[in-house]
N, C-alpha and C. Protein backbone atom coordinates (compact mmCIF):
# COMPACT_ATOMS: atom_id res chain seq x y z
N MET A 1 117.74 54.95 7.31
CA MET A 1 116.64 55.80 6.84
C MET A 1 116.15 55.29 5.48
N PRO A 2 114.83 55.13 5.30
CA PRO A 2 114.34 54.67 4.00
C PRO A 2 114.60 55.71 2.92
N SER A 3 114.65 55.24 1.69
CA SER A 3 114.77 56.19 0.58
C SER A 3 113.52 57.06 0.52
N LEU A 4 113.61 58.15 -0.21
CA LEU A 4 112.44 59.03 -0.36
C LEU A 4 111.30 58.27 -1.02
N LEU A 5 111.61 57.48 -2.04
CA LEU A 5 110.56 56.73 -2.74
C LEU A 5 109.90 55.74 -1.79
N GLU A 6 110.71 55.06 -0.98
CA GLU A 6 110.13 54.13 0.00
C GLU A 6 109.27 54.87 1.01
N ALA A 7 109.76 56.03 1.46
CA ALA A 7 109.01 56.79 2.47
C ALA A 7 107.67 57.27 1.91
N VAL A 8 107.66 57.70 0.65
CA VAL A 8 106.40 58.13 0.03
C VAL A 8 105.49 56.93 -0.19
N SER A 9 106.06 55.84 -0.67
CA SER A 9 105.27 54.64 -0.96
C SER A 9 104.59 54.10 0.29
N GLU A 10 105.26 54.24 1.44
CA GLU A 10 104.69 53.77 2.70
C GLU A 10 103.42 54.52 3.08
N GLN A 11 103.26 55.73 2.56
CA GLN A 11 102.09 56.54 2.87
C GLN A 11 100.87 56.14 2.03
N ILE A 12 101.11 55.34 0.98
CA ILE A 12 100.03 55.06 0.02
C ILE A 12 99.81 53.55 -0.06
N GLY A 13 99.02 53.04 0.86
CA GLY A 13 98.68 51.63 0.88
C GLY A 13 97.41 51.36 0.09
N SER A 14 96.85 50.17 0.26
CA SER A 14 95.69 49.78 -0.54
C SER A 14 94.47 50.66 -0.25
N ASP A 15 94.30 51.08 1.01
CA ASP A 15 93.16 51.96 1.33
C ASP A 15 93.26 53.28 0.59
N GLN A 16 94.47 53.85 0.58
CA GLN A 16 94.67 55.12 -0.12
C GLN A 16 94.51 54.94 -1.63
N ILE A 17 95.01 53.84 -2.17
CA ILE A 17 94.86 53.59 -3.61
C ILE A 17 93.39 53.49 -3.97
N ASN A 18 92.61 52.76 -3.16
CA ASN A 18 91.17 52.64 -3.43
C ASN A 18 90.47 53.99 -3.35
N ALA A 19 90.86 54.81 -2.35
CA ALA A 19 90.24 56.13 -2.22
C ALA A 19 90.58 57.03 -3.40
N ILE A 20 91.85 56.97 -3.84
CA ILE A 20 92.26 57.77 -5.00
C ILE A 20 91.52 57.28 -6.25
N ALA A 21 91.41 55.96 -6.40
CA ALA A 21 90.71 55.40 -7.57
C ALA A 21 89.26 55.86 -7.59
N ASN A 22 88.60 55.84 -6.44
CA ASN A 22 87.22 56.31 -6.37
C ASN A 22 87.12 57.78 -6.75
N ARG A 23 88.06 58.56 -6.26
CA ARG A 23 88.03 59.99 -6.56
C ARG A 23 88.26 60.26 -8.05
N LEU A 24 89.14 59.47 -8.65
CA LEU A 24 89.44 59.67 -10.07
C LEU A 24 88.37 59.06 -10.98
N GLY A 25 87.62 58.08 -10.45
CA GLY A 25 86.71 57.32 -11.31
C GLY A 25 87.47 56.33 -12.16
N ALA A 26 88.52 55.74 -11.55
CA ALA A 26 89.35 54.76 -12.25
C ALA A 26 89.38 53.48 -11.45
N SER A 27 89.92 52.42 -12.03
CA SER A 27 90.03 51.17 -11.28
C SER A 27 91.24 51.24 -10.36
N PRO A 28 91.22 50.48 -9.27
CA PRO A 28 92.40 50.45 -8.39
C PRO A 28 93.66 50.00 -9.13
N GLU A 29 93.52 49.08 -10.10
CA GLU A 29 94.68 48.60 -10.84
C GLU A 29 95.29 49.71 -11.70
N GLN A 30 94.42 50.44 -12.40
CA GLN A 30 94.92 51.58 -13.19
C GLN A 30 95.60 52.60 -12.28
N THR A 31 94.96 52.85 -11.15
CA THR A 31 95.48 53.87 -10.23
C THR A 31 96.83 53.47 -9.67
N GLU A 32 96.95 52.22 -9.27
CA GLU A 32 98.24 51.77 -8.71
C GLU A 32 99.33 51.83 -9.77
N GLN A 33 98.99 51.42 -10.99
CA GLN A 33 99.97 51.48 -12.07
C GLN A 33 100.43 52.92 -12.31
N ALA A 34 99.49 53.84 -12.32
CA ALA A 34 99.83 55.25 -12.53
C ALA A 34 100.68 55.79 -11.37
N ILE A 35 100.35 55.41 -10.15
CA ILE A 35 101.12 55.87 -8.99
C ILE A 35 102.55 55.35 -9.07
N GLN A 36 102.72 54.10 -9.52
CA GLN A 36 104.05 53.51 -9.62
C GLN A 36 104.94 54.27 -10.60
N MET A 37 104.33 54.94 -11.56
CA MET A 37 105.10 55.76 -12.49
C MET A 37 105.22 57.20 -12.00
N ALA A 38 104.17 57.69 -11.36
CA ALA A 38 104.13 59.11 -10.98
C ALA A 38 105.12 59.45 -9.87
N LEU A 39 105.22 58.60 -8.85
CA LEU A 39 106.07 58.95 -7.71
C LEU A 39 107.55 59.08 -8.09
N PRO A 40 108.13 58.09 -8.78
CA PRO A 40 109.53 58.27 -9.18
C PRO A 40 109.72 59.45 -10.12
N THR A 41 108.74 59.70 -10.97
CA THR A 41 108.86 60.82 -11.91
C THR A 41 108.87 62.15 -11.17
N LEU A 42 107.99 62.31 -10.17
CA LEU A 42 107.98 63.55 -9.39
C LEU A 42 109.29 63.74 -8.63
N LEU A 43 109.80 62.67 -8.03
CA LEU A 43 111.06 62.77 -7.30
C LEU A 43 112.22 63.11 -8.24
N ALA A 44 112.23 62.47 -9.41
CA ALA A 44 113.30 62.76 -10.36
C ALA A 44 113.22 64.19 -10.88
N ALA A 45 112.00 64.69 -11.09
CA ALA A 45 111.83 66.08 -11.54
C ALA A 45 112.33 67.05 -10.48
N LEU A 46 112.05 66.77 -9.22
CA LEU A 46 112.55 67.63 -8.14
C LEU A 46 114.06 67.60 -8.08
N ALA A 47 114.64 66.41 -8.28
CA ALA A 47 116.10 66.31 -8.30
C ALA A 47 116.68 67.14 -9.44
N LYS A 48 116.03 67.09 -10.59
CA LYS A 48 116.50 67.87 -11.73
C LYS A 48 116.39 69.36 -11.45
N ASN A 49 115.29 69.76 -10.81
CA ASN A 49 115.11 71.18 -10.49
C ASN A 49 116.18 71.68 -9.53
N ALA A 50 116.69 70.77 -8.67
CA ALA A 50 117.67 71.16 -7.66
C ALA A 50 119.11 70.98 -8.13
N GLU A 51 119.30 70.73 -9.44
CA GLU A 51 120.65 70.49 -9.95
C GLU A 51 121.54 71.72 -9.85
N ASN A 52 120.94 72.91 -9.98
CA ASN A 52 121.76 74.12 -9.85
C ASN A 52 121.48 74.80 -8.52
N GLU A 53 122.35 75.70 -8.15
CA GLU A 53 122.28 76.32 -6.82
C GLU A 53 120.98 77.09 -6.61
N ASP A 54 120.54 77.83 -7.62
CA ASP A 54 119.30 78.61 -7.48
C ASP A 54 118.09 77.69 -7.31
N GLY A 55 118.04 76.61 -8.12
CA GLY A 55 116.93 75.68 -8.01
C GLY A 55 116.90 75.00 -6.66
N ALA A 56 118.07 74.62 -6.15
CA ALA A 56 118.14 73.98 -4.83
C ALA A 56 117.69 74.94 -3.74
N ALA A 57 118.10 76.20 -3.86
CA ALA A 57 117.71 77.20 -2.85
C ALA A 57 116.20 77.44 -2.88
N GLN A 58 115.61 77.49 -4.08
CA GLN A 58 114.17 77.71 -4.19
C GLN A 58 113.39 76.53 -3.60
N LEU A 59 113.86 75.30 -3.89
CA LEU A 59 113.19 74.13 -3.36
C LEU A 59 113.31 74.09 -1.83
N HIS A 60 114.49 74.40 -1.32
CA HIS A 60 114.70 74.39 0.13
C HIS A 60 113.79 75.42 0.80
N ALA A 61 113.67 76.58 0.19
CA ALA A 61 112.79 77.62 0.75
C ALA A 61 111.34 77.15 0.75
N ALA A 62 110.94 76.48 -0.33
CA ALA A 62 109.55 76.02 -0.44
C ALA A 62 109.24 74.96 0.61
N VAL A 63 110.14 73.98 0.78
CA VAL A 63 109.84 72.93 1.77
C VAL A 63 109.93 73.48 3.18
N SER A 64 110.82 74.44 3.40
CA SER A 64 110.95 75.03 4.74
C SER A 64 109.72 75.86 5.09
N ARG A 65 109.16 76.52 4.10
CA ARG A 65 108.05 77.44 4.33
C ARG A 65 106.69 76.73 4.32
N ASP A 66 106.50 75.82 3.37
CA ASP A 66 105.15 75.32 3.09
C ASP A 66 104.94 73.82 3.31
N HIS A 67 106.00 73.07 3.52
CA HIS A 67 105.84 71.60 3.52
C HIS A 67 106.58 71.00 4.72
N ASP A 68 105.93 71.05 5.87
CA ASP A 68 106.57 70.55 7.10
C ASP A 68 106.28 69.09 7.36
N GLY A 69 105.52 68.46 6.49
CA GLY A 69 105.19 67.05 6.67
C GLY A 69 103.86 66.82 7.35
N SER A 70 103.20 67.90 7.82
CA SER A 70 101.93 67.72 8.53
C SER A 70 100.84 67.16 7.63
N ILE A 71 100.98 67.34 6.32
CA ILE A 71 99.99 66.79 5.38
C ILE A 71 99.89 65.27 5.51
N LEU A 72 100.96 64.65 5.94
CA LEU A 72 100.98 63.19 6.04
C LEU A 72 100.07 62.68 7.15
N GLU A 73 99.70 63.58 8.07
CA GLU A 73 98.81 63.18 9.16
C GLU A 73 97.33 63.24 8.75
N ARG A 74 97.05 63.82 7.60
CA ARG A 74 95.65 63.98 7.19
C ARG A 74 95.40 63.50 5.76
N LEU A 75 96.09 62.43 5.40
CA LEU A 75 95.95 61.90 4.04
C LEU A 75 94.55 61.40 3.75
N GLY A 76 93.88 60.83 4.77
CA GLY A 76 92.55 60.26 4.55
C GLY A 76 91.60 61.27 3.93
N GLY A 77 91.58 62.47 4.43
CA GLY A 77 90.66 63.49 3.93
C GLY A 77 91.06 64.06 2.59
N MET A 78 92.34 63.88 2.22
CA MET A 78 92.82 64.46 0.96
C MET A 78 92.16 63.85 -0.26
N PHE A 79 91.81 62.57 -0.16
CA PHE A 79 91.37 61.84 -1.34
C PHE A 79 89.85 61.74 -1.44
N GLU A 80 89.14 62.50 -0.62
CA GLU A 80 87.68 62.48 -0.68
C GLU A 80 87.20 63.60 -1.59
N GLY A 81 86.00 63.44 -2.10
CA GLY A 81 85.43 64.50 -2.94
C GLY A 81 85.77 64.27 -4.40
N SER A 82 85.66 65.35 -5.17
CA SER A 82 85.87 65.24 -6.62
C SER A 82 87.36 65.27 -6.92
N ALA A 83 87.67 64.91 -8.15
CA ALA A 83 89.07 64.84 -8.57
C ALA A 83 89.59 66.16 -9.12
N ASN A 84 88.79 67.22 -9.06
CA ASN A 84 89.26 68.50 -9.58
C ASN A 84 90.47 68.97 -8.79
N GLN A 85 91.48 69.45 -9.51
CA GLN A 85 92.68 69.96 -8.85
C GLN A 85 92.35 71.25 -8.11
N SER A 86 92.89 71.38 -6.91
CA SER A 86 92.84 72.69 -6.27
C SER A 86 93.88 73.56 -6.96
N SER A 87 93.70 74.87 -6.87
CA SER A 87 94.65 75.76 -7.54
C SER A 87 96.04 75.62 -6.94
N SER A 88 96.12 75.40 -5.62
CA SER A 88 97.44 75.27 -4.99
C SER A 88 98.13 73.99 -5.42
N ALA A 89 97.37 72.88 -5.49
CA ALA A 89 97.96 71.61 -5.94
C ALA A 89 98.39 71.71 -7.40
N GLY A 90 97.57 72.34 -8.21
CA GLY A 90 97.92 72.50 -9.62
C GLY A 90 99.16 73.35 -9.82
N SER A 91 99.29 74.43 -9.03
CA SER A 91 100.46 75.30 -9.18
C SER A 91 101.71 74.61 -8.66
N LEU A 92 101.57 73.79 -7.61
CA LEU A 92 102.71 73.03 -7.10
C LEU A 92 103.20 72.06 -8.17
N LEU A 93 102.27 71.36 -8.80
CA LEU A 93 102.64 70.42 -9.85
C LEU A 93 103.34 71.14 -11.00
N ALA A 94 102.83 72.30 -11.37
CA ALA A 94 103.45 73.08 -12.46
C ALA A 94 104.87 73.49 -12.09
N ARG A 95 105.09 73.84 -10.82
CA ARG A 95 106.44 74.23 -10.40
C ARG A 95 107.39 73.03 -10.43
N ILE A 96 106.88 71.86 -10.09
CA ILE A 96 107.74 70.67 -10.08
C ILE A 96 108.08 70.22 -11.49
N LEU A 97 107.09 70.14 -12.36
CA LEU A 97 107.30 69.57 -13.69
C LEU A 97 107.62 70.60 -14.76
N GLY A 98 107.21 71.84 -14.57
CA GLY A 98 107.50 72.88 -15.55
C GLY A 98 107.00 72.52 -16.93
N SER A 99 107.85 72.71 -17.92
CA SER A 99 107.45 72.47 -19.31
C SER A 99 107.22 71.00 -19.61
N ARG A 100 107.63 70.12 -18.69
CA ARG A 100 107.46 68.68 -18.90
C ARG A 100 106.08 68.19 -18.45
N GLN A 101 105.26 69.06 -17.85
CA GLN A 101 104.02 68.61 -17.23
C GLN A 101 103.09 67.90 -18.21
N SER A 102 102.83 68.50 -19.35
CA SER A 102 101.90 67.91 -20.31
C SER A 102 102.40 66.55 -20.79
N ARG A 103 103.70 66.45 -21.07
CA ARG A 103 104.27 65.20 -21.56
C ARG A 103 104.16 64.10 -20.50
N VAL A 104 104.44 64.47 -19.24
CA VAL A 104 104.35 63.49 -18.15
C VAL A 104 102.91 63.02 -17.98
N GLU A 105 101.96 63.96 -17.98
CA GLU A 105 100.55 63.59 -17.82
C GLU A 105 100.10 62.67 -18.95
N GLN A 106 100.49 63.00 -20.17
CA GLN A 106 100.10 62.17 -21.32
C GLN A 106 100.74 60.79 -21.23
N GLY A 107 101.99 60.73 -20.85
CA GLY A 107 102.69 59.45 -20.78
C GLY A 107 102.12 58.54 -19.72
N ILE A 108 101.88 59.08 -18.53
CA ILE A 108 101.31 58.28 -17.45
C ILE A 108 99.89 57.85 -17.81
N GLY A 109 99.12 58.78 -18.35
CA GLY A 109 97.75 58.45 -18.73
C GLY A 109 97.71 57.35 -19.77
N LYS A 110 98.54 57.44 -20.79
CA LYS A 110 98.56 56.44 -21.86
C LYS A 110 98.96 55.07 -21.31
N ALA A 111 99.99 55.03 -20.48
CA ALA A 111 100.49 53.75 -19.98
C ALA A 111 99.52 53.09 -19.02
N ALA A 112 98.82 53.90 -18.22
CA ALA A 112 97.91 53.34 -17.21
C ALA A 112 96.47 53.26 -17.69
N GLY A 113 96.18 53.76 -18.88
CA GLY A 113 94.82 53.72 -19.39
C GLY A 113 93.92 54.77 -18.78
N LEU A 114 94.52 55.90 -18.39
CA LEU A 114 93.76 57.02 -17.83
C LEU A 114 93.75 58.16 -18.84
N ASP A 115 92.69 58.97 -18.82
CA ASP A 115 92.75 60.15 -19.68
C ASP A 115 93.69 61.17 -19.02
N VAL A 116 94.08 62.15 -19.82
CA VAL A 116 95.09 63.11 -19.38
C VAL A 116 94.61 63.89 -18.15
N MET A 117 93.33 64.24 -18.10
CA MET A 117 92.80 64.99 -16.95
C MET A 117 92.95 64.18 -15.66
N LYS A 118 92.66 62.89 -15.72
CA LYS A 118 92.77 62.04 -14.53
C LYS A 118 94.23 61.88 -14.12
N ALA A 119 95.11 61.71 -15.11
CA ALA A 119 96.53 61.60 -14.80
C ALA A 119 97.03 62.88 -14.15
N GLY A 120 96.59 64.03 -14.65
CA GLY A 120 96.98 65.30 -14.06
C GLY A 120 96.46 65.46 -12.64
N SER A 121 95.22 65.03 -12.42
CA SER A 121 94.64 65.10 -11.07
C SER A 121 95.40 64.21 -10.11
N LEU A 122 95.78 63.02 -10.57
CA LEU A 122 96.56 62.11 -9.73
C LEU A 122 97.90 62.74 -9.35
N LEU A 123 98.59 63.27 -10.33
CA LEU A 123 99.88 63.91 -10.05
C LEU A 123 99.73 65.07 -9.06
N ALA A 124 98.64 65.82 -9.22
CA ALA A 124 98.41 66.95 -8.31
C ALA A 124 98.12 66.47 -6.89
N MET A 125 97.49 65.29 -6.75
CA MET A 125 97.25 64.72 -5.41
C MET A 125 98.55 64.24 -4.78
N LEU A 126 99.42 63.67 -5.61
CA LEU A 126 100.65 63.09 -5.09
C LEU A 126 101.74 64.12 -4.79
N ALA A 127 101.75 65.22 -5.53
CA ALA A 127 102.82 66.21 -5.37
C ALA A 127 102.95 66.73 -3.93
N PRO A 128 101.86 67.10 -3.25
CA PRO A 128 102.01 67.58 -1.86
C PRO A 128 102.52 66.50 -0.91
N ILE A 129 102.20 65.24 -1.20
CA ILE A 129 102.69 64.14 -0.35
C ILE A 129 104.21 64.01 -0.51
N VAL A 130 104.67 64.05 -1.76
CA VAL A 130 106.10 63.98 -2.03
C VAL A 130 106.81 65.15 -1.34
N MET A 131 106.26 66.34 -1.48
CA MET A 131 106.88 67.51 -0.85
C MET A 131 106.85 67.41 0.67
N GLY A 132 105.79 66.82 1.22
CA GLY A 132 105.71 66.64 2.66
C GLY A 132 106.79 65.71 3.19
N ILE A 133 107.04 64.61 2.46
CA ILE A 133 108.11 63.69 2.84
C ILE A 133 109.47 64.39 2.77
N ILE A 134 109.69 65.12 1.69
CA ILE A 134 110.96 65.83 1.54
C ILE A 134 111.12 66.87 2.65
N GLY A 135 110.03 67.59 2.95
CA GLY A 135 110.08 68.58 4.03
C GLY A 135 110.40 67.96 5.37
N ARG A 136 109.78 66.82 5.65
CA ARG A 136 110.00 66.13 6.93
C ARG A 136 111.46 65.68 7.04
N GLN A 137 112.00 65.11 5.95
CA GLN A 137 113.38 64.64 6.01
C GLN A 137 114.37 65.80 6.05
N THR A 138 114.03 66.88 5.37
CA THR A 138 114.90 68.06 5.38
C THR A 138 114.98 68.65 6.79
N ARG A 139 113.82 68.77 7.43
CA ARG A 139 113.81 69.32 8.79
C ARG A 139 114.47 68.38 9.78
N GLY A 140 114.13 67.07 9.66
CA GLY A 140 114.69 66.09 10.59
C GLY A 140 116.20 66.01 10.50
N GLY A 141 116.73 66.15 9.29
CA GLY A 141 118.17 66.09 9.09
C GLY A 141 118.85 67.44 9.15
N LYS A 142 118.05 68.49 9.43
CA LYS A 142 118.58 69.86 9.48
C LYS A 142 119.45 70.16 8.25
N MET A 143 118.87 69.85 7.08
CA MET A 143 119.60 70.00 5.82
C MET A 143 119.55 71.43 5.31
N ASP A 144 120.67 71.90 4.76
CA ASP A 144 120.64 73.14 4.00
C ASP A 144 120.33 72.80 2.55
N SER A 145 120.31 73.80 1.68
CA SER A 145 119.90 73.54 0.29
C SER A 145 120.87 72.59 -0.41
N GLY A 146 122.14 72.67 -0.09
CA GLY A 146 123.11 71.77 -0.72
C GLY A 146 122.89 70.32 -0.32
N ALA A 147 122.61 70.10 0.97
CA ALA A 147 122.36 68.73 1.44
C ALA A 147 121.07 68.19 0.85
N LEU A 148 120.05 69.05 0.72
CA LEU A 148 118.79 68.64 0.10
C LEU A 148 119.02 68.23 -1.35
N ALA A 149 119.78 69.05 -2.08
CA ALA A 149 120.08 68.72 -3.48
C ALA A 149 120.84 67.40 -3.57
N GLY A 150 121.77 67.18 -2.66
CA GLY A 150 122.53 65.94 -2.65
C GLY A 150 121.65 64.73 -2.39
N MET A 151 120.71 64.87 -1.45
CA MET A 151 119.78 63.77 -1.15
C MET A 151 118.95 63.43 -2.39
N LEU A 152 118.45 64.45 -3.07
CA LEU A 152 117.62 64.22 -4.26
C LEU A 152 118.44 63.64 -5.41
N ARG A 153 119.67 64.12 -5.56
CA ARG A 153 120.53 63.59 -6.62
C ARG A 153 120.81 62.11 -6.39
N LYS A 154 121.11 61.75 -5.15
CA LYS A 154 121.37 60.34 -4.82
C LYS A 154 120.12 59.49 -5.08
N GLU A 155 118.96 60.04 -4.72
CA GLU A 155 117.70 59.33 -4.93
C GLU A 155 117.47 59.07 -6.41
N ARG A 156 117.68 60.09 -7.22
CA ARG A 156 117.46 59.93 -8.66
C ARG A 156 118.43 58.91 -9.25
N GLN A 157 119.68 58.97 -8.84
CA GLN A 157 120.67 58.01 -9.36
C GLN A 157 120.28 56.58 -8.99
N THR A 158 119.81 56.40 -7.77
CA THR A 158 119.40 55.06 -7.32
C THR A 158 118.20 54.58 -8.13
N MET A 159 117.21 55.45 -8.33
CA MET A 159 116.02 55.06 -9.08
C MET A 159 116.38 54.72 -10.52
N GLU A 160 117.23 55.53 -11.14
CA GLU A 160 117.59 55.27 -12.54
C GLU A 160 118.35 53.97 -12.67
N LYS A 161 119.23 53.71 -11.71
CA LYS A 161 119.99 52.47 -11.74
C LYS A 161 119.06 51.27 -11.60
N GLN A 162 118.10 51.35 -10.70
CA GLN A 162 117.17 50.24 -10.48
C GLN A 162 116.22 50.07 -11.66
N ALA A 163 115.82 51.18 -12.27
CA ALA A 163 114.88 51.09 -13.39
C ALA A 163 115.57 50.66 -14.68
N THR A 164 116.89 50.66 -14.68
CA THR A 164 117.70 50.18 -15.79
C THR A 164 117.71 51.14 -16.97
N GLY A 165 118.88 51.51 -17.37
CA GLY A 165 119.05 52.20 -18.64
C GLY A 165 118.77 53.69 -18.62
N GLY A 166 118.59 54.30 -17.47
CA GLY A 166 118.39 55.74 -17.43
C GLY A 166 117.11 56.21 -18.08
N LEU A 167 116.08 55.36 -18.12
CA LEU A 167 114.85 55.73 -18.81
C LEU A 167 114.14 56.89 -18.12
N LEU A 168 114.27 56.95 -16.79
CA LEU A 168 113.64 58.04 -16.06
C LEU A 168 114.23 59.37 -16.49
N GLY A 169 115.54 59.41 -16.59
CA GLY A 169 116.19 60.62 -17.06
C GLY A 169 115.79 60.95 -18.48
N GLY A 170 115.58 59.92 -19.30
CA GLY A 170 115.17 60.15 -20.67
C GLY A 170 113.86 60.88 -20.76
N LEU A 171 112.94 60.57 -19.86
CA LEU A 171 111.65 61.25 -19.85
C LEU A 171 111.83 62.73 -19.53
N LEU A 172 112.63 63.00 -18.51
CA LEU A 172 112.72 64.38 -18.03
C LEU A 172 113.67 65.23 -18.87
N ASP A 173 114.58 64.59 -19.58
CA ASP A 173 115.59 65.34 -20.32
C ASP A 173 115.31 65.44 -21.81
N GLN A 174 114.32 64.70 -22.30
CA GLN A 174 114.12 64.66 -23.74
C GLN A 174 113.71 66.04 -24.27
N ASP A 175 113.84 66.18 -25.57
CA ASP A 175 113.68 67.50 -26.18
C ASP A 175 112.23 67.82 -26.55
N GLY A 176 111.29 66.99 -26.10
CA GLY A 176 109.90 67.32 -26.34
C GLY A 176 109.32 66.73 -27.60
N ASP A 177 110.03 65.77 -28.20
CA ASP A 177 109.50 65.22 -29.44
C ASP A 177 108.40 64.19 -29.19
N GLY A 178 108.13 63.89 -27.91
CA GLY A 178 106.97 63.08 -27.58
C GLY A 178 107.15 61.59 -27.81
N ASP A 179 108.38 61.12 -28.07
CA ASP A 179 108.53 59.71 -28.41
C ASP A 179 108.85 58.85 -27.19
N PHE A 180 108.83 59.41 -26.01
CA PHE A 180 109.12 58.61 -24.82
C PHE A 180 107.91 57.77 -24.47
N ASP A 181 108.12 56.50 -24.24
CA ASP A 181 107.02 55.59 -23.98
C ASP A 181 107.07 55.10 -22.53
N PHE A 182 106.07 55.47 -21.75
CA PHE A 182 106.02 55.08 -20.35
C PHE A 182 105.92 53.56 -20.20
N GLN A 183 105.41 52.87 -21.22
CA GLN A 183 105.35 51.41 -21.12
C GLN A 183 106.75 50.84 -20.91
N ASP A 184 107.74 51.49 -21.51
CA ASP A 184 109.11 51.01 -21.37
C ASP A 184 109.57 51.05 -19.92
N ILE A 185 109.32 52.18 -19.26
CA ILE A 185 109.80 52.26 -17.88
C ILE A 185 108.99 51.36 -16.97
N LEU A 186 107.73 51.13 -17.33
CA LEU A 186 106.93 50.22 -16.52
C LEU A 186 107.52 48.81 -16.62
N LYS A 187 107.86 48.41 -17.85
CA LYS A 187 108.46 47.09 -18.04
C LYS A 187 109.81 47.00 -17.34
N MET A 188 110.54 48.10 -17.29
CA MET A 188 111.88 48.08 -16.74
C MET A 188 111.91 48.10 -15.23
N GLY A 189 110.75 48.23 -14.61
CA GLY A 189 110.81 47.95 -13.20
C GLY A 189 110.42 49.02 -12.22
N PHE A 190 109.43 49.86 -12.48
CA PHE A 190 108.96 50.77 -11.44
C PHE A 190 108.30 49.99 -10.31
N LYS A 191 107.71 48.82 -10.63
CA LYS A 191 107.16 48.00 -9.53
C LYS A 191 108.29 47.58 -8.61
N LYS A 192 109.41 47.23 -9.22
CA LYS A 192 110.58 46.85 -8.41
C LYS A 192 111.05 48.05 -7.58
N LEU A 193 111.03 49.20 -8.18
CA LEU A 193 111.43 50.42 -7.44
C LEU A 193 110.60 50.60 -6.19
N MET A 194 109.30 50.35 -6.32
CA MET A 194 108.40 50.60 -5.19
C MET A 194 108.23 49.39 -4.30
N GLY A 195 108.94 48.31 -4.61
CA GLY A 195 108.89 47.14 -3.76
C GLY A 195 107.56 46.41 -3.77
N ARG A 196 106.85 46.52 -4.91
CA ARG A 196 105.54 45.85 -5.01
C ARG A 196 105.52 44.86 -6.15
């Protein structure tokens, strides 16, 4: 079975990157760079949210109720139109990132050369895809909340090991002083993480 990051990355090829870039009003290169940082960050944030029993139960309930993977069958239409966040996508992103949302948006935007609004819109587009992949794997594996938390924990450990030095964890665990530099994690190998 592919890793979660691989499974999500497989859903976003060059056609999807171009469509997202058009929707954001950004270049495909900026968009791909931002996606390479956004996907591991969203997965790591979900793993962090599921570290305790209550968080794992809430995530399991959310994927069981709202994210069956069907979104993956209609990705083409998702990226058309304006880049304004829908309220549901925005609230999903807020639930995933919590108090870290602003810092993540600023970091990705700065590293990829996007303004914060565009970085936020990109994250809001990607969050339902990530949840759809997790929902599909959770259902396919008939996972309970503990197994889901274990899958996410293993995924985060693998990503941090590949990215070298625990930089991903540094972003999500820092105390909010704003000194985390996304350029560092880009240099350390998010392209390698995504196999590109």
